[in-house]
Amino acid sequence: MKLQNIRIVLVSPIYGGNVGAVCRAMKNMGLRDLAIAAPRDDTDWAEARKIATHADDVLTARRLFPRLEDAIADCGLVFGTTARPGLYREHARTPREWTPRILRAAADTPVALVFGPEDRGLSNEELTPCDHFIRIPSSPEYPSLNLAQSVMIIAYELFVAAGIFVPPVERSPEANSEYRERMFAMWERALRAIGFMDAEKSAHMMLGLRRVFARAPLTKADVRIFMGVARQTLWMAERYREAHGAPPEAPARAGED
């Protein structure tokens, strides 16, 4: 319900392509409510639909309002976006800072996020009905962002903070100690079989190998793969021994030739 109560309001957008891209950004991040205030007569809706690939339902459901005040009339909280400095814009905060406040309000009332036209952003007059201002951090060399990019950044922060996304879970559980020890025993036999190390140095070399494997979690699936590598290595070493009567000679290591 929190995201359903968040409304994206575009004030007089110039390019239909940007409107379409906004629809894609909204659908990516679970937002559906698009309002366009003071729409232009020359808006290219065909271009908007073309760019809104797979998000044309958001575009189709858009609502048009003659004034900004009409688009936000039922909203309990209104946030205006700005990239420009100014006396009345100094209390602007980043999307990440405002996200908790937005989500709390959206739990029981519509919240509007207002974006100005591409060529100038929101004017002081258009910012007047906004309760708070949002400024997206950007390089001072060129602080103005594309309209759809701005919507995506703020929508992403809201989507993540809302806790909707559930990251994928590793299907294979982490391997237990007994299973890992079986793998290390096979690797020790395999490395000795191909002449990579001798019996006197094997304990020291295996400590190094264990340290490498310990840098990341090892699942049962991982261990099965590594055991398969060791098993195949042992098989090839045996075939070599049968053909040549001795294990393969280890190549000189870097710095030892």
Protein backbone atom coordinates (compact mmCIF):
# COMPACT_ATOMS: atom_id res chain seq x y z
CA MET A 1 0.00 0.00 0.00
CA LYS A 2 2.88 2.39 0.67
CA LEU A 3 4.01 2.48 -2.95
CA GLN A 4 0.45 2.52 -4.27
CA ASN A 5 -0.06 5.84 -2.49
CA ILE A 6 2.95 7.49 -4.13
CA ARG A 7 2.08 9.68 -7.10
CA ILE A 8 4.55 10.89 -9.72
CA VAL A 9 3.49 14.32 -10.96
CA LEU A 10 5.08 15.72 -14.13
CA VAL A 11 4.55 19.42 -14.73
CA SER A 12 4.34 20.31 -18.44
CA PRO A 13 6.78 17.67 -19.72
CA ILE A 14 8.23 18.63 -23.10
CA TYR A 15 9.16 15.32 -24.69
CA GLY A 16 6.86 12.35 -25.09
CA GLY A 17 9.89 10.07 -24.98
CA ASN A 18 10.71 11.26 -21.48
CA VAL A 19 7.15 10.58 -20.34
CA GLY A 20 7.44 7.05 -21.72
CA ALA A 21 10.78 6.55 -19.98
CA VAL A 22 9.23 7.78 -16.72
CA CYS A 23 6.54 5.11 -17.10
CA ARG A 24 9.22 2.44 -17.47
CA ALA A 25 11.06 3.70 -14.40
CA MET A 26 7.84 3.74 -12.40
CA LYS A 27 6.90 0.19 -13.35
CA ASN A 28 10.43 -1.03 -12.64
CA MET A 29 10.09 0.27 -9.10
CA GLY A 30 6.48 -0.70 -8.41
CA LEU A 31 4.84 2.72 -8.88
CA ARG A 32 1.62 3.07 -10.87
CA ASP A 33 0.11 6.50 -10.21
CA LEU A 34 1.17 9.00 -12.90
CA ALA A 35 -0.32 12.50 -13.09
CA ILE A 36 0.54 15.15 -15.64
CA ALA A 37 -0.19 18.75 -14.68
CA ALA A 38 -0.62 21.49 -17.26
CA PRO A 39 0.10 19.15 -20.20
CA ARG A 40 1.31 20.66 -23.46
CA ASP A 41 -0.87 20.52 -26.52
CA ASP A 42 2.01 19.21 -28.65
CA THR A 43 2.97 16.22 -26.46
CA ASP A 44 3.95 13.31 -28.69
CA TRP A 45 1.96 10.50 -27.07
CA ALA A 46 2.91 8.08 -29.84
CA GLU A 47 6.56 8.56 -28.96
CA ALA A 48 5.72 8.18 -25.28
CA ARG A 49 4.02 4.85 -25.94
CA LYS A 50 6.94 3.64 -28.01
CA ILE A 51 9.48 4.42 -25.28
CA ALA A 52 7.23 3.07 -22.51
CA THR A 53 7.93 -0.49 -23.67
CA HIS A 54 6.02 -2.97 -21.43
CA ALA A 55 4.89 -0.06 -19.25
CA ASP A 56 2.19 1.24 -21.59
CA ASP A 57 -0.39 0.31 -18.94
CA VAL A 58 1.10 3.00 -16.68
CA LEU A 59 0.98 5.47 -19.56
CA THR A 60 -2.60 4.55 -20.44
CA ALA A 61 -3.71 5.04 -16.84
CA ARG A 62 -2.15 8.52 -16.62
CA ARG A 63 -4.37 11.36 -15.41
CA LEU A 64 -4.20 14.85 -16.86
CA PHE A 65 -4.85 17.96 -14.74
CA PRO A 66 -5.05 21.57 -15.92
CA ARG A 67 -3.01 22.83 -12.93
CA LEU A 68 -0.46 21.46 -10.50
CA GLU A 69 -2.78 22.32 -7.61
CA ASP A 70 -5.42 20.00 -9.09
CA ALA A 71 -2.95 17.10 -9.45
CA ILE A 72 -1.97 17.26 -5.78
CA ALA A 73 -5.26 18.36 -4.21
CA ASP A 74 -5.91 15.05 -2.41
CA CYS A 75 -2.30 14.49 -1.28
CA GLY A 76 -1.39 14.68 2.38
CA LEU A 77 2.25 15.43 1.60
CA VAL A 78 3.89 16.99 -1.46
CA PHE A 79 7.60 16.89 -2.37
CA GLY A 80 9.05 19.07 -5.09
CA THR A 81 12.30 18.25 -6.86
CA THR A 82 14.94 20.89 -7.49
CA ALA A 83 18.52 21.07 -8.69
CA ARG A 84 18.88 24.83 -8.40
CA PRO A 85 20.10 26.66 -5.28
CA GLY A 86 18.19 29.52 -3.75
CA LEU A 87 16.98 30.98 -0.48
CA TYR A 88 13.78 28.94 -0.45
CA ARG A 89 15.46 25.77 -1.72
CA GLU A 90 18.21 25.47 0.87
CA HIS A 91 16.33 23.02 3.06
CA ALA A 92 16.21 20.46 0.24
CA ARG A 93 17.36 16.97 1.26
CA THR A 94 18.46 13.93 -0.70
CA PRO A 95 16.02 11.18 -1.74
CA ARG A 96 17.60 8.81 0.78
CA GLU A 97 17.08 11.28 3.61
CA TRP A 98 13.44 11.88 2.70
CA THR A 99 12.52 8.26 1.96
CA PRO A 100 11.49 7.27 5.54
CA ARG A 101 9.26 10.34 5.79
CA ILE A 102 7.66 9.64 2.42
CA LEU A 103 6.94 6.00 3.23
CA ARG A 104 5.50 6.81 6.66
CA ALA A 105 3.09 9.30 5.15
CA ALA A 106 2.22 7.01 2.22
CA ALA A 107 1.01 4.37 4.67
CA ASP A 108 -2.32 6.20 4.95
CA THR A 109 -2.39 9.14 2.53
CA PRO A 110 -1.39 9.89 -1.08
CA VAL A 111 2.06 11.47 -1.40
CA ALA A 112 3.03 13.45 -4.50
CA LEU A 113 6.54 13.69 -5.95
CA VAL A 114 6.58 16.64 -8.35
CA PHE A 115 9.00 17.04 -11.27
CA GLY A 116 9.32 20.12 -13.45
CA PRO A 117 9.71 20.40 -17.22
CA GLU A 118 12.98 19.34 -18.79
CA ASP A 119 14.21 22.79 -19.79
CA ARG A 120 13.87 24.60 -16.46
CA GLY A 121 12.65 22.38 -13.62
CA LEU A 122 10.10 23.67 -11.12
CA SER A 123 9.71 27.40 -10.74
CA ASN A 124 9.38 29.12 -7.36
CA GLU A 125 5.66 29.42 -8.00
CA GLU A 126 5.37 25.68 -8.71
CA LEU A 127 7.38 24.87 -5.60
CA THR A 128 5.06 26.96 -3.43
CA PRO A 129 2.46 24.21 -2.78
CA CYS A 130 5.22 21.68 -2.03
CA ASP A 131 5.80 20.83 1.63
CA HIS A 132 9.41 19.70 1.17
CA PHE A 133 12.11 19.77 -1.49
CA ILE A 134 14.23 16.90 -2.84
CA ARG A 135 17.66 17.43 -4.37
CA ILE A 136 19.44 14.50 -6.02
CA PRO A 137 23.21 14.63 -5.36
CA SER A 138 25.11 15.27 -8.58
CA SER A 139 28.28 16.88 -9.85
CA PRO A 140 28.32 20.68 -9.56
CA GLU A 141 29.79 20.72 -13.05
CA TYR A 142 26.40 19.61 -14.43
CA PRO A 143 23.79 19.10 -11.69
CA SER A 144 20.71 18.86 -13.96
CA LEU A 145 19.48 15.31 -14.50
CA ASN A 146 17.26 13.90 -17.21
CA LEU A 147 13.59 13.74 -16.14
CA ALA A 148 13.28 9.95 -16.30
CA GLN A 149 16.62 9.50 -14.54
CA SER A 150 15.45 11.70 -11.69
CA VAL A 151 12.25 9.69 -11.32
CA MET A 152 14.19 6.42 -11.39
CA ILE A 153 16.65 7.50 -8.69
CA ILE A 154 13.95 8.57 -6.25
CA ALA A 155 11.70 5.61 -7.08
CA TYR A 156 14.62 3.22 -6.54
CA GLU A 157 15.30 4.62 -3.07
CA LEU A 158 11.64 4.19 -2.17
CA PHE A 159 11.45 0.67 -3.57
CA VAL A 160 14.52 -0.52 -1.66
CA ALA A 161 13.47 1.17 1.59
CA ALA A 162 9.97 -0.31 1.34
CA GLY A 163 11.50 -3.78 1.72
CA ILE A 164 9.59 -5.23 -1.21
CA PHE A 165 12.58 -6.70 -2.99
CA VAL A 166 13.63 -10.12 -1.72
CA PRO A 167 17.15 -11.02 -2.84
CA PRO A 168 17.61 -14.53 -4.24
CA VAL A 169 18.74 -17.13 -1.75
CA GLU A 170 21.47 -19.64 -2.57
CA ARG A 171 19.62 -22.86 -3.29
CA SER A 172 22.51 -25.03 -2.17
CA PRO A 173 23.22 -24.82 1.58
CA GLU A 174 26.71 -24.08 2.85
CA ALA A 175 28.88 -27.18 3.02
CA ASN A 176 29.62 -28.51 6.49
CA SER A 177 33.09 -29.18 7.84
CA GLU A 178 33.01 -32.92 7.12
CA TYR A 179 32.15 -32.33 3.47
CA ARG A 180 34.85 -29.68 3.07
CA GLU A 181 37.45 -31.98 4.64
CA ARG A 182 36.61 -34.68 2.09
CA MET A 183 37.21 -32.13 -0.64
CA PHE A 184 40.56 -31.03 0.81
CA ALA A 185 41.69 -34.65 1.13
CA MET A 186 40.87 -35.27 -2.54
CA TRP A 187 42.67 -32.10 -3.59
CA GLU A 188 45.76 -33.07 -1.62
CA ARG A 189 45.85 -36.48 -3.30
CA ALA A 190 45.26 -34.94 -6.72
CA LEU A 191 47.96 -32.27 -6.35
CA ARG A 192 50.46 -34.83 -5.18
CA ALA A 193 49.49 -37.17 -8.02
CA ILE A 194 50.33 -34.55 -10.66
CA GLY A 195 53.56 -33.55 -8.97
CA PHE A 196 52.43 -30.13 -7.84
CA MET A 197 53.73 -30.83 -4.33
CA ASP A 198 55.47 -33.61 -2.47
CA ALA A 199 54.58 -35.24 0.81
CA GLU A 200 56.97 -33.05 2.85
CA LYS A 201 55.42 -29.79 1.63
CA SER A 202 51.83 -30.91 1.29
CA ALA A 203 50.71 -29.76 4.75
CA HIS A 204 52.11 -26.27 4.18
CA MET A 205 50.66 -26.02 0.67
CA MET A 206 47.24 -27.20 1.82
CA LEU A 207 47.14 -24.45 4.44
CA GLY A 208 47.50 -21.94 1.61
CA LEU A 209 44.79 -23.67 -0.40
CA ARG A 210 42.46 -23.70 2.59
CA ARG A 211 43.02 -19.97 3.04
CA VAL A 212 42.01 -19.35 -0.58
CA PHE A 213 38.81 -21.37 -0.24
CA ALA A 214 37.96 -19.66 3.07
CA ARG A 215 37.63 -16.25 1.39
CA ALA A 216 34.08 -17.00 0.30
CA PRO A 217 31.29 -19.30 1.48
CA LEU A 218 31.44 -22.80 0.03
CA THR A 219 28.08 -24.38 -0.71
CA LYS A 220 27.53 -28.09 -1.20
CA ALA A 221 27.21 -27.44 -4.92
CA ASP A 222 30.58 -25.64 -4.91
CA VAL A 223 32.26 -28.52 -3.07
CA ARG A 224 30.81 -31.07 -5.51
CA ILE A 225 32.34 -29.14 -8.40
CA PHE A 226 35.76 -28.94 -6.76
CA MET A 227 35.63 -32.63 -5.82
CA GLY A 228 34.80 -33.40 -9.44
CA VAL A 229 37.88 -31.44 -10.56
CA ALA A 230 40.06 -33.39 -8.10
CA ARG A 231 38.51 -36.71 -9.15
CA GLN A 232 39.16 -36.02 -12.83
CA THR A 233 42.71 -34.90 -12.04
CA LEU A 234 43.38 -38.17 -10.19
CA TRP A 235 41.96 -40.15 -13.12
CA MET A 236 44.17 -38.34 -15.63
CA ALA A 237 47.24 -38.74 -13.41
CA GLU A 238 46.59 -42.50 -13.25
CA ARG A 239 46.25 -42.73 -17.04
CA TYR A 240 49.53 -40.84 -17.40
CA ARG A 241 51.25 -43.17 -14.94
CA GLU A 242 49.99 -46.21 -16.82
CA ALA A 243 51.31 -44.83 -20.10
CA HIS A 244 54.67 -43.49 -18.88
CA GLY A 245 55.38 -45.44 -15.71
CA ALA A 246 55.78 -42.29 -13.61
CA PRO A 247 53.70 -39.30 -12.54
CA PRO A 248 53.93 -36.19 -14.73
CA GLU A 249 56.86 -33.93 -13.99
CA ALA A 250 55.82 -30.67 -12.36
CA PRO A 251 56.70 -27.57 -14.43
CA ALA A 252 59.08 -25.06 -12.92
CA ARG A 253 57.22 -22.46 -10.88
CA ALA A 254 57.65 -18.73 -11.40
CA GLY A 255 60.95 -17.59 -9.90
CA GLU A 256 62.32 -21.15 -9.70
CA ASP A 257 63.51 -21.68 -13.29
